[in-house]
Protein backbone atom coordinates (compact mmCIF):
# COMPACT_ATOMS: atom_id res chain seq x y z
CA MET A 1 -2.18 7.85 30.22
CA ILE A 2 -0.49 4.43 29.63
CA GLU A 3 -2.61 2.40 32.11
CA HIS A 4 -5.81 4.48 30.65
CA ILE A 5 -4.86 3.40 27.22
CA LYS A 6 -4.78 -0.77 28.25
CA LYS A 7 -7.57 -0.55 30.34
CA TRP A 8 -9.45 0.78 27.06
CA VAL A 9 -7.84 -1.33 24.86
CA GLU A 10 -9.07 -4.26 27.02
CA ASP A 11 -12.88 -2.95 27.65
CA ASN A 12 -12.98 -2.64 24.10
CA GLN A 13 -11.86 -5.39 22.14
CA ASN A 14 -15.59 -6.48 20.50
CA THR A 15 -15.06 -2.88 19.13
CA ILE A 16 -11.63 -3.55 18.15
CA LEU A 17 -12.73 -6.76 16.19
CA ASP A 18 -15.60 -5.15 14.87
CA VAL A 19 -13.91 -2.12 13.31
CA PHE A 20 -11.45 -4.34 11.89
CA THR A 21 -13.73 -7.04 10.54
CA HIS A 22 -15.85 -3.91 8.31
CA PHE A 23 -12.37 -3.08 7.13
CA HIS A 24 -11.11 -6.96 6.06
CA GLU A 25 -14.83 -7.81 4.69
CA ASN A 26 -15.00 -4.42 2.46
CA PRO A 27 -11.48 -4.01 0.71
CA GLU A 28 -11.28 -1.87 -2.14
CA ILE A 29 -8.25 -1.15 -4.26
CA SER A 30 -5.95 1.61 -5.19
CA TRP A 31 -7.88 5.05 -6.24
CA LYS A 32 -11.46 3.10 -5.53
CA GLU A 33 -11.17 3.48 -1.55
CA LYS A 34 -14.92 5.53 -1.56
CA LYS A 35 -16.92 3.47 0.78
CA THR A 36 -13.62 3.35 2.87
CA LYS A 37 -13.35 6.64 2.89
CA GLU A 38 -17.07 7.26 3.96
CA TYR A 39 -16.90 5.10 6.89
CA ILE A 40 -13.73 6.67 8.49
CA ILE A 41 -15.54 10.12 7.67
CA ARG A 42 -18.88 8.43 9.21
CA GLU A 43 -16.40 7.48 12.81
CA ALA A 44 -14.74 10.70 12.43
CA GLU A 45 -17.79 12.61 12.94
CA GLN A 46 -19.08 10.64 15.33
CA LEU A 47 -16.48 11.30 17.83
CA GLY A 48 -16.04 15.30 16.65
CA PHE A 49 -13.24 15.52 14.70
CA HIS A 50 -12.88 17.94 12.23
CA TYR A 51 -11.51 16.29 8.72
CA LYS A 52 -9.85 16.94 6.02
CA THR A 53 -10.70 15.28 1.92
CA PHE A 54 -9.35 15.34 -1.64
CA ASP A 55 -11.20 16.13 -4.73
CA GLN A 56 -8.56 13.58 -6.81
CA HIS A 57 -8.53 11.18 -4.37
CA TYR A 58 -10.11 9.42 -1.77
CA GLY A 59 -7.45 10.16 1.25
CA VAL A 60 -8.71 11.43 4.58
CA VAL A 61 -6.82 13.18 7.25
CA LEU A 62 -8.31 14.43 10.74
CA ASN A 63 -7.31 17.01 12.70
CA TRP A 64 -7.40 17.61 16.82
CA ASP A 65 -6.07 21.01 17.51
CA GLY A 66 -4.77 21.66 20.68
CA ASP A 67 -5.44 25.17 23.08
CA THR A 68 -1.72 26.79 21.48
CA GLU A 69 1.11 26.03 19.40
CA GLY A 70 3.17 23.32 19.31
CA SER A 71 4.71 20.25 17.28
CA THR A 72 2.57 18.66 14.83
CA VAL A 73 2.01 14.89 15.67
CA ALA A 74 0.62 12.24 12.83
CA LEU A 75 -0.15 8.64 12.74
CA ARG A 76 -0.80 7.55 9.30
CA THR A 77 -2.27 4.31 7.96
CA ASP A 78 -3.07 3.06 4.25
CA MET A 79 -6.30 2.18 2.96
CA ASP A 80 -6.16 0.53 -0.13
CA ALA A 81 -6.25 -3.46 -0.73
CA LEU A 82 -4.46 -5.53 -3.43
CA TRP A 83 -6.93 -7.13 -6.86
CA GLN A 84 -6.12 -11.29 -6.00
CA ASN A 85 -7.90 -14.53 -6.88
CA VAL A 86 -8.97 -15.41 -3.54
CA GLY A 87 -10.42 -19.32 -3.66
CA GLY A 88 -10.58 -19.05 -7.75
CA THR A 89 -12.10 -15.42 -7.92
CA TRP A 90 -10.18 -12.29 -8.38
CA ARG A 91 -11.30 -9.37 -6.22
CA ALA A 92 -10.23 -7.21 -3.82
CA ASN A 93 -8.68 -8.37 -0.78
CA HIS A 94 -6.62 -7.24 2.58
CA SER A 95 -3.61 -9.80 2.36
CA CYS A 96 -1.08 -7.04 3.14
CA GLY A 97 -2.42 -5.73 6.47
CA HIS A 98 -3.80 -2.17 5.65
CA ASP A 99 -7.21 -3.80 7.22
CA ALA A 100 -4.99 -3.90 10.81
CA HIS A 101 -3.39 -0.59 9.72
CA MET A 102 -6.86 1.42 9.23
CA THR A 103 -8.06 -0.13 13.10
CA MET A 104 -5.15 1.00 14.68
CA VAL A 105 -5.25 4.39 13.74
CA LEU A 106 -8.84 4.71 13.97
CA LEU A 107 -8.86 3.49 16.77
CA ALA A 108 -6.19 5.22 18.12
CA ALA A 109 -7.86 8.46 17.61
CA ARG A 110 -11.16 6.94 19.44
CA CYS A 111 -9.37 6.21 22.62
CA LEU A 112 -7.85 9.24 22.97
CA LYS A 113 -11.22 10.67 22.73
CA GLU A 114 -12.78 8.58 25.08
CA ILE A 115 -10.34 8.52 27.49
CA GLY A 116 -10.35 12.40 28.03
CA TYR A 117 -6.96 12.95 26.69
CA VAL A 118 -6.64 16.66 25.29
CA PRO A 119 -3.63 17.93 23.41
CA VAL A 120 -2.72 21.08 24.87
CA LYS A 121 0.04 22.32 22.86
CA GLY A 122 0.51 21.67 19.19
CA LYS A 123 -1.52 19.43 16.67
CA ILE A 124 -2.54 15.28 16.05
CA LYS A 125 -3.42 14.21 12.80
CA PHE A 126 -4.58 10.88 11.50
CA ILE A 127 -4.09 10.43 7.97
CA PHE A 128 -5.38 7.68 5.77
CA GLN A 129 -2.99 7.73 2.77
CA PRO A 130 -4.92 6.04 -0.36
CA ALA A 131 -3.26 3.76 -3.24
CA GLU A 132 -0.16 2.66 -1.22
CA GLU A 133 -0.35 -0.41 -3.35
CA SER A 134 0.61 1.55 -6.41
CA GLY A 135 3.23 3.53 -4.80
CA LYS A 136 1.69 6.91 -5.81
CA GLY A 137 -0.72 7.26 -2.79
CA ALA A 138 1.72 8.89 -0.79
CA ILE A 139 3.05 11.72 -3.56
CA ALA A 140 -0.14 12.72 -3.66
CA LEU A 141 -0.31 13.52 -0.10
CA LEU A 142 2.88 15.28 -0.15
CA ASN A 143 1.79 17.15 -3.20
CA ASP A 144 -1.55 17.83 -1.22
CA GLY A 145 0.81 19.60 1.32
CA VAL A 146 -0.52 16.49 4.39
CA ILE A 147 2.67 16.88 6.35
CA ASP A 148 4.17 20.38 5.33
CA ASP A 149 2.99 21.35 9.04
CA VAL A 150 4.23 17.54 10.64
CA ASP A 151 6.97 17.39 12.81
CA TYR A 152 6.81 13.80 13.99
CA LEU A 153 5.71 11.11 11.35
CA LEU A 154 4.70 7.71 12.76
CA GLY A 155 3.94 4.30 11.54
CA VAL A 156 3.31 1.01 11.58
CA HIS A 157 3.33 -2.10 9.31
CA VAL A 158 2.16 -5.84 10.54
CA ARG A 159 4.90 -7.99 9.73
CA PRO A 160 5.17 -11.93 8.02
CA LYS A 161 6.40 -14.54 9.86
CA VAL A 162 9.43 -14.82 8.61
CA GLU A 163 10.62 -11.39 9.95
CA MET A 164 8.85 -10.44 12.98
CA GLU A 165 6.39 -13.50 15.37
CA PHE A 166 3.12 -12.88 16.28
CA GLY A 167 3.03 -10.80 19.30
CA GLN A 168 6.06 -9.09 18.39
CA VAL A 169 7.38 -5.45 17.59
CA SER A 170 10.50 -3.82 16.76
CA ALA A 171 10.99 0.19 16.61
CA GLY A 172 12.56 0.29 13.58
CA ILE A 173 12.60 -2.36 10.73
CA TYR A 174 13.74 0.14 7.77
CA HIS A 175 12.44 -0.22 4.40
CA GLY A 176 15.03 0.64 1.28
CA ALA A 177 13.72 1.88 -2.45
CA ALA A 178 11.42 0.22 -4.58
CA ALA A 179 10.88 1.01 -8.55
CA MET A 180 8.19 -0.51 -10.57
CA LEU A 181 8.63 -0.88 -14.32
CA LYS A 182 6.24 -1.55 -17.22
CA GLY A 183 6.99 -2.52 -20.84
CA ARG A 184 5.30 -3.39 -24.16
CA ILE A 185 6.48 -5.26 -26.73
CA LYS A 186 4.92 -5.39 -30.45
CA GLY A 187 5.07 -8.16 -33.14
CA ILE A 188 3.95 -9.61 -36.18
CA GLN A 189 0.62 -11.77 -36.09
CA ALA A 190 -0.11 -14.63 -38.30
CA HIS A 191 -2.39 -17.46 -37.90
CA GLY A 192 -0.26 -20.66 -36.14
CA ALA A 193 -0.84 -22.67 -39.29
CA ARG A 194 1.86 -20.49 -40.74
CA PRO A 195 4.12 -19.25 -37.36
CA ASN A 196 6.79 -18.14 -39.54
CA GLN A 197 4.97 -15.03 -40.97
CA GLY A 198 4.80 -13.92 -37.68
CA ILE A 199 7.08 -12.09 -34.79
CA ASN A 200 5.67 -14.21 -31.63
CA VAL A 201 5.74 -11.73 -28.87
CA ILE A 202 5.65 -14.63 -26.28
CA ASP A 203 9.21 -15.76 -27.09
CA SER A 204 10.56 -12.28 -26.23
CA LEU A 205 8.84 -12.33 -22.77
CA GLY A 206 10.11 -15.78 -22.44
CA SER A 207 13.95 -14.12 -22.82
CA ILE A 208 12.91 -11.56 -21.20
CA ILE A 209 12.06 -12.99 -18.05
CA TYR A 210 15.00 -15.08 -18.24
CA ALA A 211 17.09 -11.77 -18.49
CA VAL A 212 15.53 -10.51 -15.55
CA ASN A 213 16.55 -13.92 -13.30
CA SER A 214 19.79 -13.87 -14.53
CA ILE A 215 20.84 -11.08 -13.57
CA LYS A 216 23.66 -10.91 -10.91
CA VAL A 217 23.26 -8.91 -7.44
CA ASP A 218 25.44 -7.85 -4.99
CA PRO A 219 24.88 -10.93 -2.18
CA THR A 220 25.24 -8.69 0.84
CA ILE A 221 23.20 -6.21 -0.24
CA PRO A 222 19.29 -7.24 -0.17
CA CYS A 223 17.75 -6.34 -3.46
CA SER A 224 15.25 -8.35 -5.94
CA ALA A 225 14.35 -7.71 -9.88
CA LYS A 226 11.51 -10.09 -11.00
CA VAL A 227 9.11 -9.90 -13.81
CA THR A 228 5.45 -10.07 -11.85
CA GLN A 229 2.77 -9.23 -14.77
CA VAL A 230 2.77 -10.92 -18.37
CA GLN A 231 0.00 -10.32 -20.81
CA ALA A 232 0.01 -11.43 -24.06
CA GLY A 233 -2.51 -13.14 -26.71
CA GLY A 234 -6.51 -12.78 -27.17
CA SER A 235 -9.16 -15.32 -26.65
CA ASN A 236 -8.27 -17.50 -29.75
CA ILE A 237 -5.42 -20.53 -29.13
CA ASN A 238 -4.28 -20.31 -32.98
CA ILE A 239 -3.34 -16.98 -33.28
CA ILE A 240 0.46 -15.61 -33.09
CA PRO A 241 -0.15 -12.97 -30.76
CA ASP A 242 1.51 -9.31 -31.50
CA ASP A 243 1.06 -6.93 -28.86
CA ALA A 244 2.07 -7.92 -25.12
CA GLU A 245 2.97 -6.26 -21.29
CA PHE A 246 5.24 -6.80 -18.82
CA SER A 247 5.82 -5.45 -15.77
CA ILE A 248 9.10 -5.79 -13.16
CA ASP A 249 9.03 -5.22 -9.66
CA VAL A 250 12.25 -4.12 -8.23
CA ARG A 251 13.70 -3.39 -4.86
CA ALA A 252 16.80 -2.81 -3.14
CA GLN A 253 17.92 -1.88 0.40
CA THR A 254 19.38 1.41 -0.73
CA ASN A 255 19.35 3.81 -3.11
CA GLU A 256 22.39 3.44 -5.00
CA ALA A 257 21.74 -0.49 -5.22
CA LEU A 258 18.44 0.07 -6.78
CA GLU A 259 19.88 2.11 -9.64
CA ASP A 260 22.79 -0.09 -9.99
CA LEU A 261 19.98 -3.08 -9.98
CA LEU A 262 18.10 -0.46 -12.85
CA LYS A 263 20.66 -0.19 -15.30
CA LYS A 264 21.42 -4.43 -15.21
CA VAL A 265 17.64 -4.28 -15.79
């Protein structure tokens, strides 16, 4: 079986690159993965897979039932892209590897079909999860019961060069806990010529950023807290802004460390 898979990969290099290129050149942000879903469905239909879709999001699950009952094995990938400034233009962009992840899972399904593999016992699921970047896509699929019958759930993520060189793999890089916080500040608007009559929310934003960056953490446990979004003011430079929003990304290796860091934040 392994040799058949290796040969299929060697014989289908152009197909692999074409699928990756399609995903890479057609990115869609969280909860907006409509065209990505449609592409996956077209491929699934051509391969003869039964698939499940959902009314409330664009996730897709391909199902491959064996001849008899047995364990269910699932391969999972994320679908969404980030919203980024690319070459001076704000647009969706696959810079976090989800284009590669979808290519791997979709072509794993195609490879197994084309080499004649048949699941005699149990079931194989190929799970395409939306909105990973928002942190809520996995919860949506959990609530939909997608993994209720899954015995073995497998996933993969490409890694930054600082962690894993190109061509290297690791059987287990263990992720930690994360939280995303959002806040809003209300001040008092005033004209820029009379700042003493207002309360400038940007001053408060500066204090919040400084405070978050000043948090002391245990250096033996990887963790971080940082302000990742700020928005205040309008198009006029001469107005003291009275409304601001900000976001804080908090991460830690353990749940306990995250809880402690959240208290400090």
